[in-house]
Amino acid sequence: MNSSAIFVKEHVLMGRKKHDLRIGTSGWSYPRSAEGSWSGIFYPPGKVDELSYYAQRFNTVEINSTFYRPPVPGYAWNWARKTPSDFEFTVKLWQKFTHPWMYAKKTGEDPQVTQDDVDTFKKGLEPLVKTEKLGCLLIQFPPSFRQSEQNVEGLDGILGYFKDYPMAVEVRHRSWSDQPDVTEQTLTNYGASLVYIDEPKFNFSIKQDFKPVGPIFYLRMHGRNVEKWFKHKSAAEKYNYLYSSEELEPFVTGLNQIKGLTKKLYVYMNNHFAAKAVANAIMIRYKLDLPIDAPFWKELVAEYPELKEFPLNMEGEEDLFGKK
């Protein structure tokens, strides 16, 4: 791997501060045509450069589009250009690596990973590597991905492909926590970290303690919409859940406790329906004494009055269009 990727891994794991805690959302683009759009709630009406607007308010984002197709270098350069110098992206790995059956069903193609697939994905990461904006590679597996000899070998292979990048692995089946030594050793071999997930819990769900496993603490909060988790008309429905202030408190307490145990912490809200992820990310930031200077569109508080307890700077049409 080229020296710039190795530098990014060392740079991320060292951390820019005593601890580097970053809080954001899973994705930033949920357009008007999509169910659960962010337009008119988080993003003001009219034409808005969404990534630039988002990056003025948060210092990290998780890219989910790369799950469906490898990142395109031109797009990645544009992402880097539109964000501040200290902004970081985490990038979800392409489904061909982690969900081969899904890839085959969607494309009708052979899901066997090739060296060309690896090289293509790495090439798409290069702009973020070179601009020092690649925070971490997220390797997410489905709940059906159980710990078995074959699957441990498969995970080991993926980690080997991307060993020169910081990596966080999300496994959701309880077999990975039933034999934690196997899980942790596989990750340790490549300096990878285990993702802590909050989502509806079932008898097959992974059991986790709120602590770092690996050099990065990576928290993903999917919401707790139990009724819609498996029975939904659209995928967006399952993420239609707003964490209450009380539900967030244990996470705030936990994050404060583990800040001294690891130098890199990422928190991503994936309850993205109608910008609920934004509302909860704001709430967590303020509870951790990490205020946001940039103003928010007034409809965000109208939609989520829970935000009124925080001293947010709000803006309306008169601010946007100069009608003062």
C-alpha atoms as a PDB file:
ATOM      1  CA  MET A   1       0.000   0.000   0.000  1.00  0.00           C
ATOM      2  CA  ASN A   2       1.284   3.518  -0.696  1.00  0.00           C
ATOM      3  CA  SER A   3       2.802   5.572   2.101  1.00  0.00           C
ATOM      4  CA  SER A   4      -0.096   8.062   2.214  1.00  0.00           C
ATOM      5  CA  ALA A   5      -2.571   5.357   3.307  1.00  0.00           C
ATOM      6  CA  ILE A   6      -0.170   4.172   6.008  1.00  0.00           C
ATOM      7  CA  PHE A   7       0.194   7.769   7.185  1.00  0.00           C
ATOM      8  CA  VAL A   8      -3.567   8.101   7.508  1.00  0.00           C
ATOM      9  CA  LYS A   9      -3.785   4.960   9.645  1.00  0.00           C
ATOM     10  CA  GLU A  10      -1.055   6.189  11.975  1.00  0.00           C
ATOM     11  CA  HIS A  11      -2.492   9.728  12.015  1.00  0.00           C
ATOM     12  CA  VAL A  12      -6.006   8.546  12.904  1.00  0.00           C
ATOM     13  CA  LEU A  13      -4.895   6.135  15.588  1.00  0.00           C
ATOM     14  CA  MET A  14      -2.597   8.709  17.185  1.00  0.00           C
ATOM     15  CA  GLY A  15      -5.397  11.260  17.261  1.00  0.00           C
ATOM     16  CA  ARG A  16      -5.073  14.995  16.816  1.00  0.00           C
ATOM     17  CA  LYS A  17      -5.853  15.687  20.469  1.00  0.00           C
ATOM     18  CA  LYS A  18      -5.746  13.876  23.777  1.00  0.00           C
ATOM     19  CA  HIS A  19      -8.988  12.385  22.548  1.00  0.00           C
ATOM     20  CA  ASP A  20     -10.783  13.124  19.290  1.00  0.00           C
ATOM     21  CA  LEU A  21     -14.548  12.695  19.676  1.00  0.00           C
ATOM     22  CA  ARG A  22     -16.559  13.198  16.487  1.00  0.00           C
ATOM     23  CA  ILE A  23     -20.344  13.117  16.268  1.00  0.00           C
ATOM     24  CA  GLY A  24     -22.330  13.064  13.034  1.00  0.00           C
ATOM     25  CA  THR A  25     -24.891  11.178  10.992  1.00  0.00           C
ATOM     26  CA  SER A  26     -24.942   8.220   8.646  1.00  0.00           C
ATOM     27  CA  GLY A  27     -25.251   9.968   5.305  1.00  0.00           C
ATOM     28  CA  TRP A  28     -26.097  13.573   4.563  1.00  0.00           C
ATOM     29  CA  SER A  29     -28.276  13.418   1.449  1.00  0.00           C
ATOM     30  CA  TYR A  30     -31.942  12.457   1.842  1.00  0.00           C
ATOM     31  CA  PRO A  31     -33.595  14.458  -0.961  1.00  0.00           C
ATOM     32  CA  ARG A  32     -37.160  15.659  -1.409  1.00  0.00           C
ATOM     33  CA  SER A  33     -38.041  12.645  -3.537  1.00  0.00           C
ATOM     34  CA  ALA A  34     -37.038  10.221  -0.771  1.00  0.00           C
ATOM     35  CA  GLU A  35     -39.283   9.053   2.045  1.00  0.00           C
ATOM     36  CA  GLY A  36     -38.165  10.723   5.248  1.00  0.00           C
ATOM     37  CA  SER A  37     -36.497  13.602   3.384  1.00  0.00           C
ATOM     38  CA  TRP A  38     -34.319  16.130   5.225  1.00  0.00           C
ATOM     39  CA  SER A  39     -35.306  18.961   2.881  1.00  0.00           C
ATOM     40  CA  GLY A  40     -37.210  21.724   4.645  1.00  0.00           C
ATOM     41  CA  ILE A  41     -36.358  20.251   8.061  1.00  0.00           C
ATOM     42  CA  PHE A  42     -32.576  20.269   8.339  1.00  0.00           C
ATOM     43  CA  TYR A  43     -31.813  21.809   4.954  1.00  0.00           C
ATOM     44  CA  PRO A  44     -33.488  25.149   4.181  1.00  0.00           C
ATOM     45  CA  PRO A  45     -35.836  25.375   1.172  1.00  0.00           C
ATOM     46  CA  GLY A  46     -34.393  26.166  -2.216  1.00  0.00           C
ATOM     47  CA  LYS A  47     -31.052  25.212  -3.683  1.00  0.00           C
ATOM     48  CA  VAL A  48     -28.572  24.173  -0.992  1.00  0.00           C
ATOM     49  CA  ASP A  49     -25.148  22.589  -1.288  1.00  0.00           C
ATOM     50  CA  GLU A  50     -26.001  19.905   1.243  1.00  0.00           C
ATOM     51  CA  LEU A  51     -22.526  18.629   2.085  1.00  0.00           C
ATOM     52  CA  SER A  52     -21.129  22.126   2.601  1.00  0.00           C
ATOM     53  CA  TYR A  53     -24.120  23.043   4.771  1.00  0.00           C
ATOM     54  CA  TYR A  54     -23.783  19.841   6.790  1.00  0.00           C
ATOM     55  CA  ALA A  55     -20.013  20.256   7.248  1.00  0.00           C
ATOM     56  CA  GLN A  56     -20.490  23.719   8.759  1.00  0.00           C
ATOM     57  CA  ARG A  57     -22.388  22.064  11.614  1.00  0.00           C
ATOM     58  CA  PHE A  58     -20.752  18.659  12.096  1.00  0.00           C
ATOM     59  CA  ASN A  59     -17.142  17.499  11.789  1.00  0.00           C
ATOM     60  CA  THR A  60     -17.702  14.002  10.445  1.00  0.00           C
ATOM     61  CA  VAL A  61     -20.102  11.947   8.330  1.00  0.00           C
ATOM     62  CA  GLU A  62     -20.464   8.295   7.465  1.00  0.00           C
ATOM     63  CA  ILE A  63     -20.676   7.657   3.718  1.00  0.00           C
ATOM     64  CA  ASN A  64     -23.243   4.965   2.956  1.00  0.00           C
ATOM     65  CA  SER A  65     -23.413   5.317  -0.840  1.00  0.00           C
ATOM     66  CA  THR A  66     -20.172   3.325  -1.075  1.00  0.00           C
ATOM     67  CA  PHE A  67     -22.064   0.272   0.158  1.00  0.00           C
ATOM     68  CA  TYR A  68     -23.902   0.180  -3.184  1.00  0.00           C
ATOM     69  CA  ARG A  69     -20.973   1.041  -5.454  1.00  0.00           C
ATOM     70  CA  PRO A  70     -17.261   1.766  -4.998  1.00  0.00           C
ATOM     71  CA  PRO A  71     -16.369   5.419  -4.451  1.00  0.00           C
ATOM     72  CA  VAL A  72     -15.561   7.365  -7.620  1.00  0.00           C
ATOM     73  CA  PRO A  73     -12.324   9.385  -7.277  1.00  0.00           C
ATOM     74  CA  GLY A  74     -13.878  12.492  -8.839  1.00  0.00           C
ATOM     75  CA  TYR A  75     -16.742  12.456  -6.365  1.00  0.00           C
ATOM     76  CA  ALA A  76     -14.349  11.847  -3.466  1.00  0.00           C
ATOM     77  CA  TRP A  77     -12.230  14.836  -4.505  1.00  0.00           C
ATOM     78  CA  ASN A  78     -15.408  16.903  -4.504  1.00  0.00           C
ATOM     79  CA  TRP A  79     -16.325  15.689  -1.001  1.00  0.00           C
ATOM     80  CA  ALA A  80     -12.885  16.710   0.226  1.00  0.00           C
ATOM     81  CA  ARG A  81     -13.073  20.102  -1.490  1.00  0.00           C
ATOM     82  CA  LYS A  82     -16.433  20.997   0.058  1.00  0.00           C
ATOM     83  CA  THR A  83     -15.468  20.270   3.655  1.00  0.00           C
ATOM     84  CA  PRO A  84     -13.173  22.010   6.188  1.00  0.00           C
ATOM     85  CA  SER A  85      -9.595  20.854   6.589  1.00  0.00           C
ATOM     86  CA  ASP A  86     -10.326  19.026   9.864  1.00  0.00           C
ATOM     87  CA  PHE A  87     -13.449  17.221   8.609  1.00  0.00           C
ATOM     88  CA  GLU A  88     -13.398  13.415   8.476  1.00  0.00           C
ATOM     89  CA  PHE A  89     -15.326  10.836   6.464  1.00  0.00           C
ATOM     90  CA  THR A  90     -15.846   7.233   7.412  1.00  0.00           C
ATOM     91  CA  VAL A  91     -16.578   5.047   4.421  1.00  0.00           C
ATOM     92  CA  LYS A  92     -18.791   1.958   4.378  1.00  0.00           C
ATOM     93  CA  LEU A  93     -17.304  -0.951   2.452  1.00  0.00           C
ATOM     94  CA  TRP A  94     -18.951  -2.099  -0.798  1.00  0.00           C
ATOM     95  CA  GLN A  95     -21.618  -4.782  -0.388  1.00  0.00           C
ATOM     96  CA  LYS A  96     -19.765  -7.155  -2.728  1.00  0.00           C
ATOM     97  CA  PHE A  97     -17.310  -7.752   0.130  1.00  0.00           C
ATOM     98  CA  THR A  98     -19.812  -8.082   2.989  1.00  0.00           C
ATOM     99  CA  HIS A  99     -23.183  -8.986   1.412  1.00  0.00           C
ATOM    100  CA  PRO A 100     -22.270 -11.109  -1.657  1.00  0.00           C
ATOM    101  CA  TRP A 101     -25.747 -12.632  -1.955  1.00  0.00           C
ATOM    102  CA  MET A 102     -27.258  -9.138  -2.076  1.00  0.00           C
ATOM    103  CA  TYR A 103     -24.758  -8.055  -4.714  1.00  0.00           C
ATOM    104  CA  ALA A 104     -25.486 -11.135  -6.847  1.00  0.00           C
ATOM    105  CA  LYS A 105     -29.250 -10.632  -6.575  1.00  0.00           C
ATOM    106  CA  LYS A 106     -28.989  -6.980  -7.528  1.00  0.00           C
ATOM    107  CA  THR A 107     -26.532  -7.312 -10.412  1.00  0.00           C
ATOM    108  CA  GLY A 108     -26.833 -10.916 -11.573  1.00  0.00           C
ATOM    109  CA  GLU A 109     -23.029 -11.026 -11.496  1.00  0.00           C
ATOM    110  CA  ASP A 110     -20.557 -13.365  -9.806  1.00  0.00           C
ATOM    111  CA  PRO A 111     -20.060 -12.058  -6.230  1.00  0.00           C
ATOM    112  CA  GLN A 112     -16.548 -13.467  -5.952  1.00  0.00           C
ATOM    113  CA  VAL A 113     -14.229 -10.623  -4.914  1.00  0.00           C
ATOM    114  CA  THR A 114     -11.293 -10.023  -7.250  1.00  0.00           C
ATOM    115  CA  GLN A 115      -8.081  -8.043  -6.890  1.00  0.00           C
ATOM    116  CA  ASP A 116      -9.558  -5.546  -9.339  1.00  0.00           C
ATOM    117  CA  ASP A 117     -12.460  -4.982  -6.916  1.00  0.00           C
ATOM    118  CA  VAL A 118     -10.002  -4.268  -4.099  1.00  0.00           C
ATOM    119  CA  ASP A 119      -7.921  -1.924  -6.269  1.00  0.00           C
ATOM    120  CA  THR A 120     -11.014  -0.083  -7.511  1.00  0.00           C
ATOM    121  CA  PHE A 121     -12.261   0.569  -3.987  1.00  0.00           C
ATOM    122  CA  LYS A 122      -8.834   1.713  -2.819  1.00  0.00           C
ATOM    123  CA  LYS A 123      -8.514   4.053  -5.783  1.00  0.00           C
ATOM    124  CA  GLY A 124     -11.804   5.670  -4.786  1.00  0.00           C
ATOM    125  CA  LEU A 125     -10.452   6.269  -1.281  1.00  0.00           C
ATOM    126  CA  GLU A 126      -7.259   7.977  -2.490  1.00  0.00           C
ATOM    127  CA  PRO A 127      -8.633  11.563  -2.529  1.00  0.00           C
ATOM    128  CA  LEU A 128      -9.689  11.228   1.114  1.00  0.00           C
ATOM    129  CA  VAL A 129      -6.360   9.644   2.015  1.00  0.00           C
ATOM    130  CA  LYS A 130      -4.328  12.355   0.303  1.00  0.00           C
ATOM    131  CA  THR A 131      -6.325  15.163   1.929  1.00  0.00           C
ATOM    132  CA  GLU A 132      -6.116  13.434   5.338  1.00  0.00           C
ATOM    133  CA  LYS A 133      -9.913  13.240   5.541  1.00  0.00           C
ATOM    134  CA  LEU A 134     -10.344   9.474   5.676  1.00  0.00           C
ATOM    135  CA  GLY A 135     -11.215   8.683   9.255  1.00  0.00           C
ATOM    136  CA  CYS A 136     -12.045   5.014   9.070  1.00  0.00           C
ATOM    137  CA  LEU A 137     -13.317   2.199   6.861  1.00  0.00           C
ATOM    138  CA  LEU A 138     -16.611   0.704   8.133  1.00  0.00           C
ATOM    139  CA  ILE A 139     -17.010  -3.011   7.419  1.00  0.00           C
ATOM    140  CA  GLN A 140     -20.636  -3.882   8.153  1.00  0.00           C
ATOM    141  CA  PHE A 141     -22.037  -7.394   8.014  1.00  0.00           C
ATOM    142  CA  PRO A 142     -25.705  -8.494   8.095  1.00  0.00           C
ATOM    143  CA  PRO A 143     -27.303 -10.113  11.181  1.00  0.00           C
ATOM    144  CA  SER A 144     -27.163 -13.465   9.369  1.00  0.00           C
ATOM    145  CA  PHE A 145     -23.336 -13.347   9.352  1.00  0.00           C
ATOM    146  CA  ARG A 146     -22.538 -15.805  12.134  1.00  0.00           C
ATOM    147  CA  GLN A 147     -19.206 -16.707  13.600  1.00  0.00           C
ATOM    148  CA  SER A 148     -18.033 -19.873  11.861  1.00  0.00           C
ATOM    149  CA  GLU A 149     -14.690 -21.072  10.589  1.00  0.00           C
ATOM    150  CA  GLN A 150     -15.620 -20.070   7.055  1.00  0.00           C
ATOM    151  CA  ASN A 151     -16.873 -16.627   8.064  1.00  0.00           C
ATOM    152  CA  VAL A 152     -13.880 -15.926  10.300  1.00  0.00           C
ATOM    153  CA  GLU A 153     -11.667 -16.754   7.321  1.00  0.00           C
ATOM    154  CA  GLY A 154     -13.785 -14.443   5.154  1.00  0.00           C
ATOM    155  CA  LEU A 155     -13.475 -11.595   7.661  1.00  0.00           C
ATOM    156  CA  ASP A 156      -9.752 -12.241   7.935  1.00  0.00           C
ATOM    157  CA  GLY A 157      -9.448 -11.957   4.144  1.00  0.00           C
ATOM    158  CA  ILE A 158     -11.285  -8.624   4.019  1.00  0.00           C
ATOM    159  CA  LEU A 159      -9.189  -7.219   6.852  1.00  0.00           C
ATOM    160  CA  GLY A 160      -6.095  -8.323   4.985  1.00  0.00           C
ATOM    161  CA  TYR A 161      -7.163  -6.465   1.832  1.00  0.00           C
ATOM    162  CA  PHE A 162      -7.528  -3.186   3.731  1.00  0.00           C
ATOM    163  CA  LYS A 163      -4.987  -3.636   6.534  1.00  0.00           C
ATOM    164  CA  ASP A 164      -3.294  -0.302   5.769  1.00  0.00           C
ATOM    165  CA  TYR A 165      -6.443   1.664   6.647  1.00  0.00           C
ATOM    166  CA  PRO A 166      -8.093   2.228  10.037  1.00  0.00           C
ATOM    167  CA  MET A 167     -10.990  -0.258  10.152  1.00  0.00           C
ATOM    168  CA  ALA A 168     -14.092  -0.765  12.267  1.00  0.00           C
ATOM    169  CA  VAL A 169     -16.142  -3.962  11.949  1.00  0.00           C
ATOM    170  CA  GLU A 170     -19.865  -4.233  12.649  1.00  0.00           C
ATOM    171  CA  VAL A 171     -21.088  -7.765  13.336  1.00  0.00           C
ATOM    172  CA  ARG A 172     -24.569  -8.233  14.758  1.00  0.00           C
ATOM    173  CA  HIS A 173     -25.086 -11.928  15.469  1.00  0.00           C
ATOM    174  CA  ARG A 174     -24.600 -13.081  19.073  1.00  0.00           C
ATOM    175  CA  SER A 175     -22.227 -15.879  18.013  1.00  0.00           C
ATOM    176  CA  TRP A 176     -19.533 -13.195  17.771  1.00  0.00           C
ATOM    177  CA  SER A 177     -20.034 -12.323  21.445  1.00  0.00           C
ATOM    178  CA  ASP A 178     -20.503 -15.954  22.500  1.00  0.00           C
ATOM    179  CA  GLN A 179     -16.857 -16.541  21.493  1.00  0.00           C
ATOM    180  CA  PRO A 180     -15.336 -13.104  22.055  1.00  0.00           C
ATOM    181  CA  ASP A 181     -11.734 -14.330  22.063  1.00  0.00           C
ATOM    182  CA  VAL A 182     -12.000 -15.440  18.429  1.00  0.00           C
ATOM    183  CA  THR A 183     -13.650 -12.177  17.454  1.00  0.00           C
ATOM    184  CA  GLU A 184     -11.171  -9.935  19.255  1.00  0.00           C
ATOM    185  CA  GLN A 185      -8.108 -11.876  18.105  1.00  0.00           C
ATOM    186  CA  THR A 186      -9.216 -11.668  14.464  1.00  0.00           C
ATOM    187  CA  LEU A 187      -9.585  -7.895  14.796  1.00  0.00           C
ATOM    188  CA  THR A 188      -6.364  -7.488  16.782  1.00  0.00           C
ATOM    189  CA  ASN A 189      -4.358  -9.217  14.061  1.00  0.00           C
ATOM    190  CA  TYR A 190      -5.079  -6.221  11.805  1.00  0.00           C
ATOM    191  CA  GLY A 191      -5.433  -3.404  14.321  1.00  0.00           C
ATOM    192  CA  ALA A 192      -9.178  -3.252  13.612  1.00  0.00           C
ATOM    193  CA  SER A 193     -11.912  -2.173  16.025  1.00  0.00           C
ATOM    194  CA  LEU A 194     -15.344  -3.547  16.906  1.00  0.00           C
ATOM    195  CA  VAL A 195     -18.372  -1.316  16.318  1.00  0.00           C
ATOM    196  CA  TYR A 196     -20.770  -0.841  19.222  1.00  0.00           C
ATOM    197  CA  ILE A 197     -24.349  -0.802  17.940  1.00  0.00           C
ATOM    198  CA  ASP A 198     -27.624   0.346  19.432  1.00  0.00           C
ATOM    199  CA  GLU A 199     -30.683  -1.119  17.736  1.00  0.00           C
ATOM    200  CA  PRO A 200     -33.697  -3.278  18.638  1.00  0.00           C
ATOM    201  CA  LYS A 201     -32.495  -6.384  20.460  1.00  0.00           C
ATOM    202  CA  PHE A 202     -33.549  -9.942  19.673  1.00  0.00           C
ATOM    203  CA  ASN A 203     -32.433 -13.338  20.915  1.00  0.00           C
ATOM    204  CA  PHE A 204     -29.841 -13.538  18.120  1.00  0.00           C
ATOM    205  CA  SER A 205     -28.411 -10.047  18.762  1.00  0.00           C
ATOM    206  CA  ILE A 206     -24.786  -9.544  19.706  1.00  0.00           C
ATOM    207  CA  LYS A 207     -24.084  -8.835  23.388  1.00  0.00           C
ATOM    208  CA  GLN A 208     -21.723  -5.907  23.972  1.00  0.00           C
ATOM    209  CA  ASP A 209     -20.189  -3.922  26.785  1.00  0.00           C
ATOM    210  CA  PHE A 210     -19.872  -0.174  26.251  1.00  0.00           C
ATOM    211  CA  LYS A 211     -16.092  -0.095  25.931  1.00  0.00           C
ATOM    212  CA  PRO A 212     -13.455   0.173  23.197  1.00  0.00           C
ATOM    213  CA  VAL A 213     -12.481  -3.069  21.482  1.00  0.00           C
ATOM    214  CA  GLY A 214      -9.520  -1.998  19.379  1.00  0.00           C
ATOM    215  CA  PRO A 215      -7.889   1.413  18.924  1.00  0.00           C
ATOM    216  CA  ILE A 216     -11.092   3.230  17.836  1.00  0.00           C
ATOM    217  CA  PHE A 217     -14.427   3.441  19.633  1.00  0.00           C
ATOM    218  CA  TYR A 218     -17.073   3.475  16.911  1.00  0.00           C
ATOM    219  CA  LEU A 219     -20.721   3.876  17.972  1.00  0.00           C
ATOM    220  CA  ARG A 220     -23.601   3.465  15.522  1.00  0.00           C
ATOM    221  CA  MET A 221     -27.122   4.259  16.741  1.00  0.00           C
ATOM    222  CA  HIS A 222     -29.801   2.822  14.472  1.00  0.00           C
ATOM    223  CA  GLY A 223     -32.883   3.661  16.538  1.00  0.00           C
ATOM    224  CA  ARG A 224     -35.186   1.311  18.412  1.00  0.00           C
ATOM    225  CA  ASN A 225     -38.179   0.980  16.129  1.00  0.00           C
ATOM    226  CA  VAL A 226     -38.926  -2.621  17.058  1.00  0.00           C
ATOM    227  CA  GLU A 227     -42.319  -2.794  15.320  1.00  0.00           C
ATOM    228  CA  LYS A 228     -40.909  -1.770  11.934  1.00  0.00           C
ATOM    229  CA  TRP A 229     -37.508  -3.427  12.159  1.00  0.00           C
ATOM    230  CA  PHE A 230     -38.456  -6.497  10.144  1.00  0.00           C
ATOM    231  CA  LYS A 231     -41.999  -5.590   9.067  1.00  0.00           C
ATOM    232  CA  HIS A 232     -41.852  -2.409   7.018  1.00  0.00           C
ATOM    233  CA  LYS A 233     -43.112  -1.261   3.634  1.00  0.00           C
ATOM    234  CA  SER A 234     -39.899   0.627   2.936  1.00  0.00           C
ATOM    235  CA  ALA A 235     -36.409   0.413   4.387  1.00  0.00           C
ATOM    236  CA  ALA A 236     -36.677   4.018   5.576  1.00  0.00           C
ATOM    237  CA  GLU A 237     -39.508   3.141   7.978  1.00  0.00           C
ATOM    238  CA  LYS A 238     -37.272   1.110  10.286  1.00  0.00           C
ATOM    239  CA  TYR A 239     -35.151   4.205  10.983  1.00  0.00           C
ATOM    240  CA  ASN A 240     -38.140   6.369  11.937  1.00  0.00           C
ATOM    241  CA  TYR A 241     -37.219   6.728  15.595  1.00  0.00           C
ATOM    242  CA  LEU A 242     -36.189   9.679  17.754  1.00  0.00           C
ATOM    243  CA  TYR A 243     -34.151   8.952  20.882  1.00  0.00           C
ATOM    244  CA  SER A 244     -35.501  10.836  23.885  1.00  0.00           C
ATOM    245  CA  SER A 245     -33.225  12.971  26.011  1.00  0.00           C
ATOM    246  CA  GLU A 246     -33.449  10.331  28.734  1.00  0.00           C
ATOM    247  CA  GLU A 247     -32.479   7.534  26.334  1.00  0.00           C
ATOM    248  CA  LEU A 248     -29.361   9.459  25.298  1.00  0.00           C
ATOM    249  CA  GLU A 249     -28.103  10.021  28.832  1.00  0.00           C
ATOM    250  CA  PRO A 250     -26.461   6.574  29.301  1.00  0.00           C
ATOM    251  CA  PHE A 251     -24.534   7.072  26.058  1.00  0.00           C
ATOM    252  CA  VAL A 252     -23.363  10.516  27.137  1.00  0.00           C
ATOM    253  CA  THR A 253     -22.223   9.113  30.481  1.00  0.00           C
ATOM    254  CA  GLY A 254     -20.478   6.219  28.753  1.00  0.00           C
ATOM    255  CA  LEU A 255     -18.712   8.431  26.233  1.00  0.00           C
ATOM    256  CA  ASN A 256     -17.449  10.681  29.014  1.00  0.00           C
ATOM    257  CA  GLN A 257     -16.106   7.645  30.840  1.00  0.00           C
ATOM    258  CA  ILE A 258     -14.249   6.080  27.910  1.00  0.00           C
ATOM    259  CA  LYS A 259     -12.780   9.267  26.409  1.00  0.00           C
ATOM    260  CA  GLY A 260      -9.629   8.627  28.388  1.00  0.00           C
ATOM    261  CA  LEU A 261      -9.339   5.035  27.184  1.00  0.00           C
ATOM    262  CA  THR A 262      -8.988   5.705  23.463  1.00  0.00           C
ATOM    263  CA  LYS A 263      -7.900   8.625  21.320  1.00  0.00           C
ATOM    264  CA  LYS A 264     -10.428   8.265  18.503  1.00  0.00           C
ATOM    265  CA  LEU A 265     -14.197   8.113  19.015  1.00  0.00           C
ATOM    266  CA  TYR A 266     -16.873   8.273  16.331  1.00  0.00           C
ATOM    267  CA  VAL A 267     -20.599   8.514  17.018  1.00  0.00           C
ATOM    268  CA  TYR A 268     -23.007   8.209  14.091  1.00  0.00           C
ATOM    269  CA  MET A 269     -26.772   8.502  14.241  1.00  0.00           C
ATOM    270  CA  ASN A 270     -28.405   6.263  11.627  1.00  0.00           C
ATOM    271  CA  ASN A 271     -32.031   6.972  12.629  1.00  0.00           C
ATOM    272  CA  HIS A 272     -32.154   9.126   9.535  1.00  0.00           C
ATOM    273  CA  PHE A 273     -35.899   9.342   8.847  1.00  0.00           C
ATOM    274  CA  ALA A 274     -36.937  13.027   8.510  1.00  0.00           C
ATOM    275  CA  ALA A 275     -33.618  14.235   9.983  1.00  0.00           C
ATOM    276  CA  LYS A 276     -34.156  12.565  13.354  1.00  0.00           C
ATOM    277  CA  ALA A 277     -30.466  11.651  13.199  1.00  0.00           C
ATOM    278  CA  VAL A 278     -29.586  15.342  13.008  1.00  0.00           C
ATOM    279  CA  ALA A 279     -31.756  16.196  16.009  1.00  0.00           C
ATOM    280  CA  ASN A 280     -30.206  13.445  18.115  1.00  0.00           C
ATOM    281  CA  ALA A 281     -26.656  14.277  17.009  1.00  0.00           C
ATOM    282  CA  ILE A 282     -27.242  17.873  18.130  1.00  0.00           C
ATOM    283  CA  MET A 283     -28.626  16.689  21.466  1.00  0.00           C
ATOM    284  CA  ILE A 284     -25.613  14.451  22.123  1.00  0.00           C
ATOM    285  CA  ARG A 285     -23.181  17.218  21.209  1.00  0.00           C
ATOM    286  CA  TYR A 286     -24.737  19.695  23.612  1.00  0.00           C
ATOM    287  CA  LYS A 287     -24.965  17.114  26.377  1.00  0.00           C
ATOM    288  CA  LEU A 288     -21.219  16.573  25.905  1.00  0.00           C
ATOM    289  CA  ASP A 289     -20.575  20.340  25.996  1.00  0.00           C
ATOM    290  CA  LEU A 290     -19.778  20.478  22.286  1.00  0.00           C
ATOM    291  CA  PRO A 291     -21.948  23.393  21.083  1.00  0.00           C
ATOM    292  CA  ILE A 292     -22.456  24.201  17.398  1.00  0.00           C
ATOM    293  CA  ASP A 293     -21.842  27.786  16.292  1.00  0.00           C
ATOM    294  CA  ALA A 294     -23.519  27.687  12.872  1.00  0.00           C
ATOM    295  CA  PRO A 295     -27.273  28.435  12.721  1.00  0.00           C
ATOM    296  CA  PHE A 296     -29.960  25.849  12.045  1.00  0.00           C
ATOM    297  CA  TRP A 297     -33.043  26.246   9.869  1.00  0.00           C
ATOM    298  CA  LYS A 298     -36.027  27.162  12.045  1.00  0.00           C
ATOM    299  CA  GLU A 299     -38.150  24.187  10.971  1.00  0.00           C
ATOM    300  CA  LEU A 300     -35.772  21.771  12.687  1.00  0.00           C
ATOM    301  CA  VAL A 301     -36.916  22.936  16.114  1.00  0.00           C
ATOM    302  CA  ALA A 302     -40.494  23.195  14.903  1.00  0.00           C
ATOM    303  CA  GLU A 303     -40.282  19.524  13.913  1.00  0.00           C
ATOM    304  CA  TYR A 304     -38.373  18.489  17.037  1.00  0.00           C
ATOM    305  CA  PRO A 305     -39.294  20.751  19.995  1.00  0.00           C
ATOM    306  CA  GLU A 306     -37.012  18.589  22.142  1.00  0.00           C
ATOM    307  CA  LEU A 307     -34.220  20.829  20.811  1.00  0.00           C
ATOM    308  CA  LYS A 308     -35.639  23.877  22.588  1.00  0.00           C
ATOM    309  CA  GLU A 309     -33.739  22.967  25.745  1.00  0.00           C
ATOM    310  CA  PHE A 310     -30.470  23.720  23.938  1.00  0.00           C
ATOM    311  CA  PRO A 311     -29.234  27.247  23.033  1.00  0.00           C
ATOM    312  CA  LEU A 312     -29.236  26.757  19.267  1.00  0.00           C
ATOM    313  CA  ASN A 313     -28.744  29.620  16.851  1.00  0.00           C
ATOM    314  CA  MET A 314     -31.781  29.550  14.539  1.00  0.00           C
ATOM    315  CA  GLU A 315     -32.357  31.182  11.164  1.00  0.00           C
ATOM    316  CA  GLY A 316     -35.453  31.854   9.052  1.00  0.00           C
ATOM    317  CA  GLU A 317     -36.241  33.073   5.578  1.00  0.00           C
ATOM    318  CA  GLU A 318     -35.275  36.642   6.448  1.00  0.00           C
ATOM    319  CA  ASP A 319     -31.755  35.422   7.251  1.00  0.00           C
ATOM    320  CA  LEU A 320     -31.457  33.302   4.128  1.00  0.00           C
ATOM    321  CA  PHE A 321     -32.797  35.826   1.671  1.00  0.00           C
ATOM    322  CA  GLY A 322     -31.815  39.074   3.316  1.00  0.00           C
ATOM    323  CA  LYS A 323     -35.385  40.172   4.130  1.00  0.00           C
ATOM    324  CA  LYS A 324     -34.595  41.929   7.375  1.00  0.00           C
END
